[in-house]
Amino acid sequence: MITLNFYTINERRPKHGQQVAYLRRSHSFGSVDFRPEEAEAEYCWFEYDDIGFTGLQVVYEEGQEPPPNCRLEIMFGHEVVDAENYWWCPAEEYDASFPD
C-alpha cells in the first residue's frame, strides 16, 4: 500500500522555489479528474485595484516589503494556485513514496 499526504496551501504553505508534486484538476465530458504533476512553487506579487487584477506582476524577493496594491500569490508552473482547490506535497516525499 502507498500512502501519499497532500495539503492545501491553507494547511501547509510550500517555500518559494521548492519543488512540489501537485494534483492538477482537469475537466472532461462532465467529469473531474486529478493528475499529479511536478513544478516549482513560485511566489509572485499581483497588483489589484477596485475592479480586480490589473495585469501587473512583480517578482518576489524574500524579505521585501509588499508593493502597493499587491497581493502575494503562489504559482505552480504557470498556474496561480487557489489555496483551497490545489493539493500539493514536497516532490521528494512524493518520489520517495513509490517503491524502486
C-alpha atoms as a PDB file:
ATOM      1  CA  MET A   1       0.000   0.000   0.000  1.00  0.00           C
ATOM      2  CA  ILE A   2       1.193   3.506  -0.833  1.00  0.00           C
ATOM      3  CA  THR A   3       0.049   6.451   1.265  1.00  0.00           C
ATOM      4  CA  LEU A   4       0.534   9.973  -0.016  1.00  0.00           C
ATOM      5  CA  ASN A   5      -0.152  13.071   2.072  1.00  0.00           C
ATOM      6  CA  PHE A   6      -1.286  16.124   0.121  1.00  0.00           C
ATOM      7  CA  TYR A   7      -2.002  19.541   1.614  1.00  0.00           C
ATOM      8  CA  THR A   8      -3.905  22.654   0.646  1.00  0.00           C
ATOM      9  CA  ILE A   9      -1.986  25.937   0.727  1.00  0.00           C
ATOM     10  CA  ASN A  10      -4.007  26.907   3.810  1.00  0.00           C
ATOM     11  CA  GLU A  11      -2.889  23.754   5.635  1.00  0.00           C
ATOM     12  CA  ARG A  12       0.791  23.964   4.728  1.00  0.00           C
ATOM     13  CA  ARG A  13       2.493  26.546   2.530  1.00  0.00           C
ATOM     14  CA  PRO A  14       5.353  25.496   0.199  1.00  0.00           C
ATOM     15  CA  LYS A  15       8.540  27.539   0.309  1.00  0.00           C
ATOM     16  CA  HIS A  16       9.394  29.847  -2.575  1.00  0.00           C
ATOM     17  CA  GLY A  17      11.459  27.802  -5.042  1.00  0.00           C
ATOM     18  CA  GLN A  18      10.501  24.436  -3.524  1.00  0.00           C
ATOM     19  CA  GLN A  19       9.894  21.523  -5.887  1.00  0.00           C
ATOM     20  CA  VAL A  20       6.367  20.193  -5.353  1.00  0.00           C
ATOM     21  CA  ALA A  21       4.104  17.479  -6.656  1.00  0.00           C
ATOM     22  CA  TYR A  22       0.520  18.663  -7.017  1.00  0.00           C
ATOM     23  CA  LEU A  23      -2.788  17.339  -8.197  1.00  0.00           C
ATOM     24  CA  ARG A  24      -3.886  19.274 -11.250  1.00  0.00           C
ATOM     25  CA  ARG A  25      -7.632  19.402 -11.785  1.00  0.00           C
ATOM     26  CA  SER A  26      -8.948  18.741 -15.276  1.00  0.00           C
ATOM     27  CA  HIS A  27     -12.498  18.670 -16.589  1.00  0.00           C
ATOM     28  CA  SER A  28     -13.641  16.406 -19.384  1.00  0.00           C
ATOM     29  CA  PHE A  29     -17.127  15.480 -20.565  1.00  0.00           C
ATOM     30  CA  GLY A  30     -18.753  16.420 -17.266  1.00  0.00           C
ATOM     31  CA  SER A  31     -16.262  14.649 -15.014  1.00  0.00           C
ATOM     32  CA  VAL A  32     -13.427  15.991 -12.911  1.00  0.00           C
ATOM     33  CA  ASP A  33     -10.066  14.237 -12.790  1.00  0.00           C
ATOM     34  CA  PHE A  34      -6.856  14.937 -10.930  1.00  0.00           C
ATOM     35  CA  ARG A  35      -3.452  14.095 -12.306  1.00  0.00           C
ATOM     36  CA  PRO A  36      -0.151  14.501 -10.489  1.00  0.00           C
ATOM     37  CA  GLU A  37       2.406  16.941 -11.858  1.00  0.00           C
ATOM     38  CA  GLU A  38       5.685  18.323 -10.558  1.00  0.00           C
ATOM     39  CA  ALA A  39       6.607  22.004 -10.592  1.00  0.00           C
ATOM     40  CA  GLU A  40       8.476  24.685  -8.708  1.00  0.00           C
ATOM     41  CA  ALA A  41       6.454  26.752  -6.227  1.00  0.00           C
ATOM     42  CA  GLU A  42       6.966  30.397  -7.140  1.00  0.00           C
ATOM     43  CA  TYR A  43       5.783  33.384  -5.137  1.00  0.00           C
ATOM     44  CA  CYS A  44       4.728  36.433  -7.138  1.00  0.00           C
ATOM     45  CA  TRP A  45       3.111  39.778  -6.343  1.00  0.00           C
ATOM     46  CA  PHE A  46      -0.067  40.578  -8.290  1.00  0.00           C
ATOM     47  CA  GLU A  47      -1.484  44.105  -8.371  1.00  0.00           C
ATOM     48  CA  TYR A  48      -5.219  44.600  -7.801  1.00  0.00           C
ATOM     49  CA  ASP A  49      -7.463  47.658  -7.984  1.00  0.00           C
ATOM     50  CA  ASP A  50     -11.190  48.135  -7.266  1.00  0.00           C
ATOM     51  CA  ILE A  51     -12.112  46.174 -10.393  1.00  0.00           C
ATOM     52  CA  GLY A  52      -9.672  43.273  -9.966  1.00  0.00           C
ATOM     53  CA  PHE A  53      -6.299  42.152 -11.286  1.00  0.00           C
ATOM     54  CA  THR A  54      -4.604  44.984 -13.199  1.00  0.00           C
ATOM     55  CA  GLY A  55      -2.244  42.759 -15.194  1.00  0.00           C
ATOM     56  CA  LEU A  56       0.864  43.842 -13.279  1.00  0.00           C
ATOM     57  CA  GLN A  57       3.048  41.115 -11.764  1.00  0.00           C
ATOM     58  CA  VAL A  58       6.077  41.917  -9.617  1.00  0.00           C
ATOM     59  CA  VAL A  59       8.891  39.429  -8.975  1.00  0.00           C
ATOM     60  CA  TYR A  60       9.020  38.208  -5.379  1.00  0.00           C
ATOM     61  CA  GLU A  61      12.197  38.626  -3.374  1.00  0.00           C
ATOM     62  CA  GLU A  62      12.360  37.223   0.142  1.00  0.00           C
ATOM     63  CA  GLY A  63      12.159  39.879   2.827  1.00  0.00           C
ATOM     64  CA  GLN A  64      10.898  42.652   0.543  1.00  0.00           C
ATOM     65  CA  GLU A  65       8.034  44.940   1.512  1.00  0.00           C
ATOM     66  CA  PRO A  66       4.829  44.309  -0.430  1.00  0.00           C
ATOM     67  CA  PRO A  67       4.498  46.609  -3.443  1.00  0.00           C
ATOM     68  CA  PRO A  68       1.495  48.998  -3.241  1.00  0.00           C
ATOM     69  CA  ASN A  69      -1.897  47.405  -4.008  1.00  0.00           C
ATOM     70  CA  CYS A  70      -0.311  43.962  -4.442  1.00  0.00           C
ATOM     71  CA  ARG A  71      -1.243  40.571  -3.072  1.00  0.00           C
ATOM     72  CA  LEU A  72       1.186  37.667  -2.767  1.00  0.00           C
ATOM     73  CA  GLU A  73       0.142  34.617  -4.794  1.00  0.00           C
ATOM     74  CA  ILE A  74       1.725  31.188  -5.221  1.00  0.00           C
ATOM     75  CA  MET A  75       2.164  29.655  -8.662  1.00  0.00           C
ATOM     76  CA  PHE A  76       2.826  26.049  -9.654  1.00  0.00           C
ATOM     77  CA  GLY A  77       4.310  26.218 -13.128  1.00  0.00           C
ATOM     78  CA  HIS A  78       2.298  28.952 -14.853  1.00  0.00           C
ATOM     79  CA  GLU A  79      -0.854  28.476 -12.772  1.00  0.00           C
ATOM     80  CA  VAL A  80      -1.889  30.672  -9.846  1.00  0.00           C
ATOM     81  CA  VAL A  81      -2.795  28.316  -7.029  1.00  0.00           C
ATOM     82  CA  ASP A  82      -6.210  28.513  -5.397  1.00  0.00           C
ATOM     83  CA  ALA A  83      -5.457  27.978  -1.693  1.00  0.00           C
ATOM     84  CA  GLU A  84      -8.339  25.538  -1.172  1.00  0.00           C
ATOM     85  CA  ASN A  85      -8.536  23.711  -4.512  1.00  0.00           C
ATOM     86  CA  TYR A  86      -4.948  22.632  -5.173  1.00  0.00           C
ATOM     87  CA  TRP A  87      -3.373  19.792  -3.227  1.00  0.00           C
ATOM     88  CA  TRP A  88       0.399  19.551  -3.037  1.00  0.00           C
ATOM     89  CA  CYS A  89       3.264  17.778  -1.257  1.00  0.00           C
ATOM     90  CA  PRO A  90       7.049  18.171  -1.355  1.00  0.00           C
ATOM     91  CA  ALA A  91       8.372  16.485  -4.508  1.00  0.00           C
ATOM     92  CA  GLU A  92      10.938  14.472  -2.531  1.00  0.00           C
ATOM     93  CA  GLU A  93       8.152  12.976  -0.349  1.00  0.00           C
ATOM     94  CA  TYR A  94       6.105  12.168  -3.436  1.00  0.00           C
ATOM     95  CA  ASP A  95       9.042  10.496  -5.207  1.00  0.00           C
ATOM     96  CA  ALA A  96      10.072   8.555  -2.073  1.00  0.00           C
ATOM     97  CA  SER A  97       6.546   7.109  -1.689  1.00  0.00           C
ATOM     98  CA  PHE A  98       6.934   4.758  -4.638  1.00  0.00           C
ATOM     99  CA  PRO A  99       8.944   1.532  -4.464  1.00  0.00           C
ATOM    100  CA  ASP A 100      12.085   1.261  -6.554  1.00  0.00           C
END
